[in-house]
Amino acid sequence: MTSKTSGKPATATVSGLTALAYWGDELRFHREQAGLTQEGLGRAIHMSPSMIAMVETGRRAPRIEFIKSCDQVLGTNGALARLWKRIIKHSYLEWFRPFVDVESEATGILEYEPQAVPGLLQTEDYARAQLKTGHIRKSDEEIEKHVAARMSRQEILTRSDPPFVWVILDEAVLRRPVGGVEVMRDQLARLVRASQSPHIVLQVLPFAAGAHGGMSGPMVLFTLPDETKLVYAEAFGGGQIIGLPEEVAKCHVILDLLRACALPPDDSARLIADLIGE
């Protein structure tokens, strides 16, 4: 594989541990070609020079807004964004790639999550804190690579035809402090904002609901453009896509029952807002 931006070979660097540094090197190449210093680029895209330095050296993953701004200012005609998409595909664990492919195509997503905020609604700091806990032996670069991959998935929420997303969160997700007080406060605020989107419905399943059908674990029901429905079920160390109609129907019933037991959307948003105050 060869980069279409500078013509340099991508080879193993794209799928290896230096993926972020590789993209950062491309950014530096185009910045210098444009005659800009890190300070100059920072002023143009309203970003600190220190942040640009961290991105160029692979110590921090770029956000999609950052990438698009660089493409615009540097006149690269979307080349940096296209290269980023090719690189980031290699950052997903192999068993998780089918999930990402289905998620990107779905017109509807119905999800129950008992442990953590779903990736589509996570803040960057929340994702980083969660990934550091789950990957104790991973290097900072590996963690940043996974954070970047998770944030890239959220692009489907801002495209011209976003999927309709319905999320049921167990109350435990809201009360488990991931990353500390500030990180959790920002994450709860992100959920409140998400609940105001016309394409997102957010419900909280309160502790008071007692025992329920979702206690076996998280699940996601996808609706594809042709109305095909698939279920993703996750377990320790992996997950699977389920397409058998009878199994999909069972999961659909469980998810419908969870929606019925959960707080209404407005009450759910108020609960989350109250937790921010606490």
Protein backbone atom coordinates (compact mmCIF):
# COMPACT_ATOMS: atom_id res chain seq x y z
CA MET A 1 0.00 0.00 0.00
CA THR A 2 1.28 3.47 -0.88
CA SER A 3 0.11 6.77 0.53
CA LYS A 4 -1.63 8.90 -2.08
CA THR A 5 -0.66 12.06 -0.25
CA SER A 6 3.15 12.11 -0.25
CA GLY A 7 3.80 8.87 -2.16
CA LYS A 8 5.64 7.28 0.76
CA PRO A 9 5.12 3.54 1.34
CA ALA A 10 2.63 2.77 4.09
CA THR A 11 3.42 -0.96 4.52
CA ALA A 12 3.36 -2.20 8.12
CA THR A 13 3.34 1.25 9.67
CA VAL A 14 -0.35 1.63 8.94
CA SER A 15 -1.36 -1.51 10.81
CA GLY A 16 1.47 -1.42 13.34
CA LEU A 17 2.04 0.63 16.44
CA THR A 18 3.22 3.69 14.49
CA ALA A 19 -0.07 4.31 12.68
CA LEU A 20 -0.71 7.60 14.46
CA ALA A 21 2.87 8.75 13.93
CA TYR A 22 2.58 7.86 10.23
CA TRP A 23 -0.48 10.08 9.80
CA GLY A 24 1.19 12.80 11.84
CA ASP A 25 4.19 12.65 9.52
CA GLU A 26 1.86 13.19 6.57
CA LEU A 27 0.37 16.21 8.31
CA ARG A 28 3.83 17.65 8.95
CA PHE A 29 4.79 17.06 5.29
CA HIS A 30 1.79 19.03 4.00
CA ARG A 31 2.16 21.74 6.64
CA GLU A 32 5.75 22.36 5.62
CA GLN A 33 4.80 22.22 1.94
CA ALA A 34 2.30 24.99 2.67
CA GLY A 35 5.04 27.03 4.37
CA LEU A 36 3.33 26.99 7.77
CA THR A 37 4.85 26.52 11.19
CA GLN A 38 2.98 24.64 13.91
CA GLU A 39 2.06 28.03 15.33
CA GLY A 40 0.76 29.21 11.96
CA LEU A 41 -1.37 26.12 11.41
CA GLY A 42 -2.60 26.38 14.99
CA ARG A 43 -3.80 29.93 14.44
CA ALA A 44 -5.57 28.92 11.23
CA ILE A 45 -7.51 26.04 12.78
CA HIS A 46 -7.80 27.46 16.32
CA MET A 47 -5.61 24.79 17.89
CA SER A 48 -2.61 25.14 20.19
CA PRO A 49 0.85 24.49 18.70
CA SER A 50 1.49 21.94 21.45
CA MET A 51 -1.55 19.92 20.34
CA ILE A 52 -0.38 19.99 16.73
CA ALA A 53 3.06 18.83 17.87
CA MET A 54 1.51 15.90 19.76
CA VAL A 55 -0.55 14.90 16.71
CA GLU A 56 2.43 15.13 14.38
CA THR A 57 4.48 12.86 16.64
CA GLY A 58 1.69 10.33 17.19
CA ARG A 59 1.22 11.12 20.86
CA ARG A 60 -2.37 12.25 20.41
CA ALA A 61 -5.00 11.09 17.93
CA PRO A 62 -6.59 13.77 15.74
CA ARG A 63 -10.33 14.37 15.84
CA ILE A 64 -12.23 14.29 12.58
CA GLU A 65 -12.92 18.04 12.88
CA PHE A 66 -9.17 18.62 13.23
CA ILE A 67 -8.48 16.52 10.13
CA LYS A 68 -11.08 18.29 8.00
CA SER A 69 -9.78 21.69 9.10
CA CYS A 70 -6.22 20.72 8.16
CA ASP A 71 -7.37 19.50 4.74
CA GLN A 72 -9.11 22.82 4.15
CA VAL A 73 -6.31 25.09 5.37
CA LEU A 74 -3.52 23.09 3.69
CA GLY A 75 -5.43 22.69 0.42
CA THR A 76 -5.03 18.91 0.34
CA ASN A 77 -8.48 18.28 -1.18
CA GLY A 78 -9.50 15.75 1.48
CA ALA A 79 -6.34 13.65 1.16
CA LEU A 80 -5.61 13.65 4.89
CA ALA A 81 -9.16 12.52 5.71
CA ARG A 82 -9.00 9.73 3.12
CA LEU A 83 -5.66 8.51 4.45
CA TRP A 84 -6.99 8.63 8.01
CA LYS A 85 -9.92 6.38 7.11
CA ARG A 86 -7.58 3.81 5.58
CA ILE A 87 -5.32 3.89 8.62
CA ILE A 88 -8.06 3.76 11.25
CA LYS A 89 -9.61 0.58 9.79
CA HIS A 90 -6.56 -1.30 11.06
CA SER A 91 -7.08 -0.01 14.60
CA TYR A 92 -10.17 -2.12 15.28
CA LEU A 93 -9.66 -5.53 16.79
CA GLU A 94 -10.28 -8.19 14.16
CA TRP A 95 -13.32 -9.65 15.92
CA PHE A 96 -14.87 -6.16 16.20
CA ARG A 97 -14.56 -5.16 12.54
CA PRO A 98 -17.84 -6.86 11.45
CA PHE A 99 -19.65 -4.79 14.11
CA VAL A 100 -18.19 -1.55 12.74
CA ASP A 101 -19.13 -2.51 9.17
CA VAL A 102 -22.74 -3.24 10.15
CA GLU A 103 -22.95 -0.13 12.34
CA SER A 104 -21.80 2.10 9.49
CA GLU A 105 -24.53 0.75 7.19
CA ALA A 106 -27.41 0.64 9.66
CA THR A 107 -30.43 2.89 9.35
CA GLY A 108 -31.56 2.01 12.87
CA ILE A 109 -29.68 1.08 16.05
CA LEU A 110 -31.42 -0.13 19.20
CA GLU A 111 -28.95 -0.78 22.02
CA TYR A 112 -29.01 -1.85 25.65
CA GLU A 113 -25.88 -1.20 27.67
CA PRO A 114 -25.56 -2.28 31.33
CA GLN A 115 -21.91 -1.39 31.98
CA ALA A 116 -20.61 1.61 30.06
CA VAL A 117 -21.73 4.44 27.79
CA PRO A 118 -21.98 3.14 24.20
CA GLY A 119 -19.05 4.07 21.98
CA LEU A 120 -21.22 6.23 19.72
CA LEU A 121 -22.01 8.53 22.66
CA GLN A 122 -18.70 8.54 24.52
CA THR A 123 -16.54 11.60 25.00
CA GLU A 124 -12.89 11.25 24.09
CA ASP A 125 -11.76 11.42 27.72
CA TYR A 126 -14.32 8.82 28.82
CA ALA A 127 -13.19 6.49 26.02
CA ARG A 128 -9.55 6.98 26.97
CA ALA A 129 -10.22 6.22 30.65
CA GLN A 130 -12.22 3.11 29.80
CA LEU A 131 -9.62 1.80 27.34
CA LYS A 132 -6.76 2.36 29.78
CA THR A 133 -8.59 0.26 32.36
CA GLY A 134 -9.30 -2.55 29.91
CA HIS A 135 -5.84 -2.57 28.31
CA ILE A 136 -3.45 -2.29 31.24
CA ARG A 137 -0.40 -3.43 29.29
CA LYS A 138 -1.05 -1.30 26.21
CA SER A 139 1.26 1.58 25.35
CA ASP A 140 -0.02 5.16 25.23
CA GLU A 141 0.15 5.06 21.43
CA GLU A 142 -1.96 1.91 21.27
CA ILE A 143 -4.52 3.47 23.60
CA GLU A 144 -4.66 6.62 21.48
CA LYS A 145 -5.10 4.52 18.36
CA HIS A 146 -8.13 2.79 19.88
CA VAL A 147 -9.54 6.11 21.11
CA ALA A 148 -9.23 7.53 17.61
CA ALA A 149 -10.97 4.51 16.12
CA ARG A 150 -13.85 4.83 18.57
CA MET A 151 -14.26 8.54 17.90
CA SER A 152 -14.22 7.91 14.15
CA ARG A 153 -17.27 5.68 14.50
CA GLN A 154 -19.25 8.69 15.69
CA GLU A 155 -19.10 10.23 12.20
CA ILE A 156 -22.28 8.33 11.32
CA LEU A 157 -24.20 10.60 13.73
CA THR A 158 -23.30 13.76 11.82
CA ARG A 159 -23.69 12.56 8.24
CA SER A 160 -26.58 13.76 6.08
CA ASP A 161 -28.54 10.54 6.67
CA PRO A 162 -27.75 9.50 10.26
CA PRO A 163 -29.21 6.29 11.67
CA PHE A 164 -32.03 6.50 14.18
CA VAL A 165 -30.38 5.55 17.47
CA TRP A 166 -32.32 4.33 20.52
CA VAL A 167 -30.18 3.66 23.59
CA ILE A 168 -31.24 2.11 26.89
CA LEU A 169 -28.70 2.72 29.64
CA ASP A 170 -28.73 0.88 32.94
CA GLU A 171 -28.64 3.36 35.82
CA ALA A 172 -25.33 1.80 36.88
CA VAL A 173 -23.71 3.27 33.75
CA LEU A 174 -24.51 6.77 34.98
CA ARG A 175 -23.38 6.24 38.54
CA ARG A 176 -20.09 4.49 37.80
CA PRO A 177 -17.41 7.25 37.85
CA VAL A 178 -15.18 6.51 34.87
CA GLY A 179 -12.08 8.70 34.65
CA GLY A 180 -12.89 10.89 37.64
CA VAL A 181 -15.41 13.61 38.43
CA GLU A 182 -14.62 16.01 35.56
CA VAL A 183 -14.57 13.28 32.91
CA MET A 184 -17.83 11.87 34.16
CA ARG A 185 -19.49 15.28 34.36
CA ASP A 186 -18.55 15.99 30.73
CA GLN A 187 -19.81 12.56 29.72
CA LEU A 188 -23.17 13.07 31.39
CA ALA A 189 -23.47 16.46 29.69
CA ARG A 190 -22.73 14.75 26.37
CA LEU A 191 -25.62 12.35 27.02
CA VAL A 192 -27.99 15.22 27.78
CA ARG A 193 -27.04 16.91 24.51
CA ALA A 194 -27.45 13.64 22.63
CA SER A 195 -30.94 13.19 24.06
CA GLN A 196 -31.94 16.47 22.41
CA SER A 197 -31.09 15.21 18.94
CA PRO A 198 -34.07 14.30 16.71
CA HIS A 199 -32.18 11.17 15.66
CA ILE A 200 -31.44 9.87 19.17
CA VAL A 201 -33.70 8.52 21.91
CA LEU A 202 -32.13 7.92 25.30
CA GLN A 203 -33.75 6.01 28.15
CA VAL A 204 -32.46 5.06 31.59
CA LEU A 205 -33.36 1.70 33.08
CA PRO A 206 -33.54 2.52 36.82
CA PHE A 207 -32.44 0.26 39.63
CA ALA A 208 -36.07 0.25 40.75
CA ALA A 209 -36.97 -1.82 37.68
CA GLY A 210 -35.49 -4.82 39.48
CA ALA A 211 -34.70 -8.01 37.58
CA HIS A 212 -35.07 -7.80 33.80
CA GLY A 213 -34.37 -9.66 30.59
CA GLY A 214 -31.20 -7.77 29.78
CA MET A 215 -29.22 -8.99 32.78
CA SER A 216 -27.31 -11.45 30.59
CA GLY A 217 -25.39 -8.60 29.00
CA PRO A 218 -25.35 -5.83 26.37
CA MET A 219 -26.97 -6.24 22.97
CA VAL A 220 -27.47 -4.17 19.85
CA LEU A 221 -30.21 -4.59 17.24
CA PHE A 222 -29.33 -3.20 13.82
CA THR A 223 -31.79 -2.43 11.04
CA LEU A 224 -30.15 -2.34 7.60
CA PRO A 225 -31.34 -0.40 4.53
CA ASP A 226 -33.14 -3.46 3.15
CA GLU A 227 -34.94 -3.88 6.52
CA THR A 228 -32.80 -6.89 7.45
CA LYS A 229 -32.28 -7.05 11.21
CA LEU A 230 -29.10 -8.28 12.89
CA VAL A 231 -28.16 -8.57 16.55
CA TYR A 232 -24.74 -8.09 18.05
CA ALA A 233 -24.09 -9.81 21.37
CA GLU A 234 -20.85 -9.29 23.26
CA ALA A 235 -19.02 -11.49 25.73
CA PHE A 236 -15.57 -11.42 27.32
CA GLY A 237 -12.89 -11.35 24.63
CA GLY A 238 -15.20 -11.02 21.64
CA GLY A 239 -18.66 -10.74 20.19
CA GLN A 240 -20.83 -12.16 17.45
CA ILE A 241 -23.29 -10.99 14.82
CA ILE A 242 -26.54 -12.98 14.96
CA GLY A 243 -28.72 -13.20 11.88
CA LEU A 244 -31.00 -16.16 12.57
CA PRO A 245 -34.54 -14.73 12.44
CA GLU A 246 -35.75 -16.64 15.50
CA GLU A 247 -32.79 -15.45 17.61
CA VAL A 248 -33.14 -11.89 16.36
CA ALA A 249 -36.85 -11.97 17.25
CA LYS A 250 -36.05 -13.10 20.81
CA CYS A 251 -33.57 -10.25 21.27
CA HIS A 252 -36.06 -7.79 19.82
CA VAL A 253 -38.66 -8.83 22.41
CA ILE A 254 -36.14 -8.40 25.24
CA LEU A 255 -35.19 -4.95 24.01
CA ASP A 256 -38.84 -3.93 23.69
CA LEU A 257 -39.47 -5.07 27.27
CA LEU A 258 -36.46 -3.06 28.45
CA ARG A 259 -37.83 0.04 26.72
CA ALA A 260 -41.14 -0.50 28.47
CA CYS A 261 -39.42 -0.80 31.89
CA ALA A 262 -37.13 2.19 31.37
CA LEU A 263 -37.91 5.78 32.27
CA PRO A 264 -39.48 7.92 29.53
CA PRO A 265 -36.95 9.95 27.51
CA ASP A 266 -37.75 13.28 29.22
CA ASP A 267 -37.49 11.75 32.70
CA SER A 268 -34.26 10.04 31.69
CA ALA A 269 -32.74 13.34 30.56
CA ARG A 270 -33.77 14.99 33.83
CA LEU A 271 -32.18 12.18 35.84
CA ILE A 272 -28.91 12.57 33.95
CA ALA A 273 -28.99 16.35 34.40
CA ASP A 274 -29.58 15.90 38.14
CA LEU A 275 -26.55 13.63 38.36
CA ILE A 276 -24.43 16.34 36.79
CA GLY A 277 -25.47 18.62 39.65
CA GLU A 278 -24.58 15.96 42.20
